[in-house]
C-alpha cells in the first residue's frame, strides 16, 4: 500500500509552507531535519533530528517502513 499523499517542506526556503507544516506537529519541537507520518491529519510517528542524524539512509528508511506498517 502506498500513501495517498506525500510532501516535503524545506525550512528556510518557504516560510509559509514551513509554518503550515509545523501546525500539524503540535507537541513536537521544531527539528530540522525531521520526518513524520500522519494518519487522518494526526502525527502517528515522528523522527526528529536526533533520530535521523548520523544514521545511514537505509536505517532511516527502515524506521519509516516500521512506522508505516504499524499505523497504516
C-alpha atoms as a PDB file:
ATOM      1  CA  UNK A   1       0.000   0.000   0.000  1.00  0.00           C
ATOM      2  CA  UNK A   2       1.262   3.480  -0.826  1.00  0.00           C
ATOM      3  CA  UNK A   3       0.344   6.698   0.949  1.00  0.00           C
ATOM      4  CA  UNK A   4      -2.323   8.773  -0.744  1.00  0.00           C
ATOM      5  CA  UNK A   5      -0.117  11.856  -0.421  1.00  0.00           C
ATOM      6  CA  UNK A   6       3.487  12.668   0.372  1.00  0.00           C
ATOM      7  CA  UNK A   7       5.020  16.051   0.949  1.00  0.00           C
ATOM      8  CA  UNK A   8       8.288  17.774   1.642  1.00  0.00           C
ATOM      9  CA  UNK A   9       8.926  21.128   3.258  1.00  0.00           C
ATOM     10  CA  UNK A  10      12.403  22.644   3.402  1.00  0.00           C
ATOM     11  CA  UNK A  11      12.672  25.028   6.343  1.00  0.00           C
ATOM     12  CA  UNK A  12      14.225  28.314   5.319  1.00  0.00           C
ATOM     13  CA  UNK A  13      13.029  28.021   1.733  1.00  0.00           C
ATOM     14  CA  UNK A  14       9.309  28.653   2.117  1.00  0.00           C
ATOM     15  CA  UNK A  15       8.313  30.264   5.405  1.00  0.00           C
ATOM     16  CA  UNK A  16       4.568  29.850   4.808  1.00  0.00           C
ATOM     17  CA  UNK A  17       4.874  26.144   3.977  1.00  0.00           C
ATOM     18  CA  UNK A  18       7.130  25.597   6.981  1.00  0.00           C
ATOM     19  CA  UNK A  19       4.674  27.247   9.374  1.00  0.00           C
ATOM     20  CA  UNK A  20       1.769  25.307   7.874  1.00  0.00           C
ATOM     21  CA  UNK A  21       3.650  22.007   8.236  1.00  0.00           C
ATOM     22  CA  UNK A  22       4.641  22.799  11.818  1.00  0.00           C
ATOM     23  CA  UNK A  23       0.973  23.335  12.585  1.00  0.00           C
ATOM     24  CA  UNK A  24       0.451  19.599  12.111  1.00  0.00           C
ATOM     25  CA  UNK A  25       3.232  18.730  14.560  1.00  0.00           C
ATOM     26  CA  UNK A  26       1.843  20.201  17.777  1.00  0.00           C
ATOM     27  CA  UNK A  27       3.563  18.683  20.774  1.00  0.00           C
ATOM     28  CA  UNK A  28       6.781  18.181  18.787  1.00  0.00           C
ATOM     29  CA  UNK A  29       9.563  20.746  18.915  1.00  0.00           C
ATOM     30  CA  UNK A  30      10.701  22.127  15.543  1.00  0.00           C
ATOM     31  CA  UNK A  31      13.532  19.966  14.281  1.00  0.00           C
ATOM     32  CA  UNK A  32      15.403  20.057  11.029  1.00  0.00           C
ATOM     33  CA  UNK A  33      15.638  17.599   9.547  1.00  0.00           C
ATOM     34  CA  UNK A  34      12.668  15.599  10.740  1.00  0.00           C
ATOM     35  CA  UNK A  35      10.212  13.147   9.244  1.00  0.00           C
ATOM     36  CA  UNK A  36       6.662  12.463  10.316  1.00  0.00           C
ATOM     37  CA  UNK A  37       3.927  10.039   9.404  1.00  0.00           C
ATOM     38  CA  UNK A  38       0.429  11.452   9.608  1.00  0.00           C
ATOM     39  CA  UNK A  39      -2.772   9.454   9.554  1.00  0.00           C
ATOM     40  CA  UNK A  40      -6.109  11.233   9.302  1.00  0.00           C
ATOM     41  CA  UNK A  41      -4.291  14.529   9.912  1.00  0.00           C
ATOM     42  CA  UNK A  42      -2.623  13.427  13.168  1.00  0.00           C
ATOM     43  CA  UNK A  43       1.029  12.583  13.766  1.00  0.00           C
ATOM     44  CA  UNK A  44       1.341   8.855  14.448  1.00  0.00           C
ATOM     45  CA  UNK A  45       5.141   8.677  14.180  1.00  0.00           C
ATOM     46  CA  UNK A  46       7.832  11.342  14.367  1.00  0.00           C
ATOM     47  CA  UNK A  47      11.524  11.040  13.620  1.00  0.00           C
ATOM     48  CA  UNK A  48      13.242  14.204  14.866  1.00  0.00           C
ATOM     49  CA  UNK A  49      16.810  15.230  14.112  1.00  0.00           C
ATOM     50  CA  UNK A  50      18.365  13.140  16.905  1.00  0.00           C
ATOM     51  CA  UNK A  51      16.712  10.009  15.479  1.00  0.00           C
ATOM     52  CA  UNK A  52      17.929  10.741  11.923  1.00  0.00           C
ATOM     53  CA  UNK A  53      21.336  12.426  12.151  1.00  0.00           C
ATOM     54  CA  UNK A  54      24.325  10.149  11.879  1.00  0.00           C
ATOM     55  CA  UNK A  55      22.300   7.163  10.726  1.00  0.00           C
ATOM     56  CA  UNK A  56      22.520   5.523   7.330  1.00  0.00           C
ATOM     57  CA  UNK A  57      19.741   6.266   4.838  1.00  0.00           C
ATOM     58  CA  UNK A  58      18.606   2.625   4.880  1.00  0.00           C
ATOM     59  CA  UNK A  59      18.229   2.782   8.697  1.00  0.00           C
ATOM     60  CA  UNK A  60      16.042   5.868   8.428  1.00  0.00           C
ATOM     61  CA  UNK A  61      14.034   4.224   5.643  1.00  0.00           C
ATOM     62  CA  UNK A  62      13.568   1.120   7.802  1.00  0.00           C
ATOM     63  CA  UNK A  63      12.251   3.286  10.670  1.00  0.00           C
ATOM     64  CA  UNK A  64       9.702   4.838   8.315  1.00  0.00           C
ATOM     65  CA  UNK A  65       8.676   1.404   7.000  1.00  0.00           C
ATOM     66  CA  UNK A  66       8.163   0.157  10.587  1.00  0.00           C
ATOM     67  CA  UNK A  67       6.039   3.226  11.381  1.00  0.00           C
ATOM     68  CA  UNK A  68       4.008   2.769   8.214  1.00  0.00           C
ATOM     69  CA  UNK A  69       3.497  -0.947   8.909  1.00  0.00           C
ATOM     70  CA  UNK A  70       2.396  -0.191  12.480  1.00  0.00           C
ATOM     71  CA  UNK A  71      -0.080   2.546  11.604  1.00  0.00           C
ATOM     72  CA  UNK A  72      -1.283   2.056   8.039  1.00  0.00           C
END
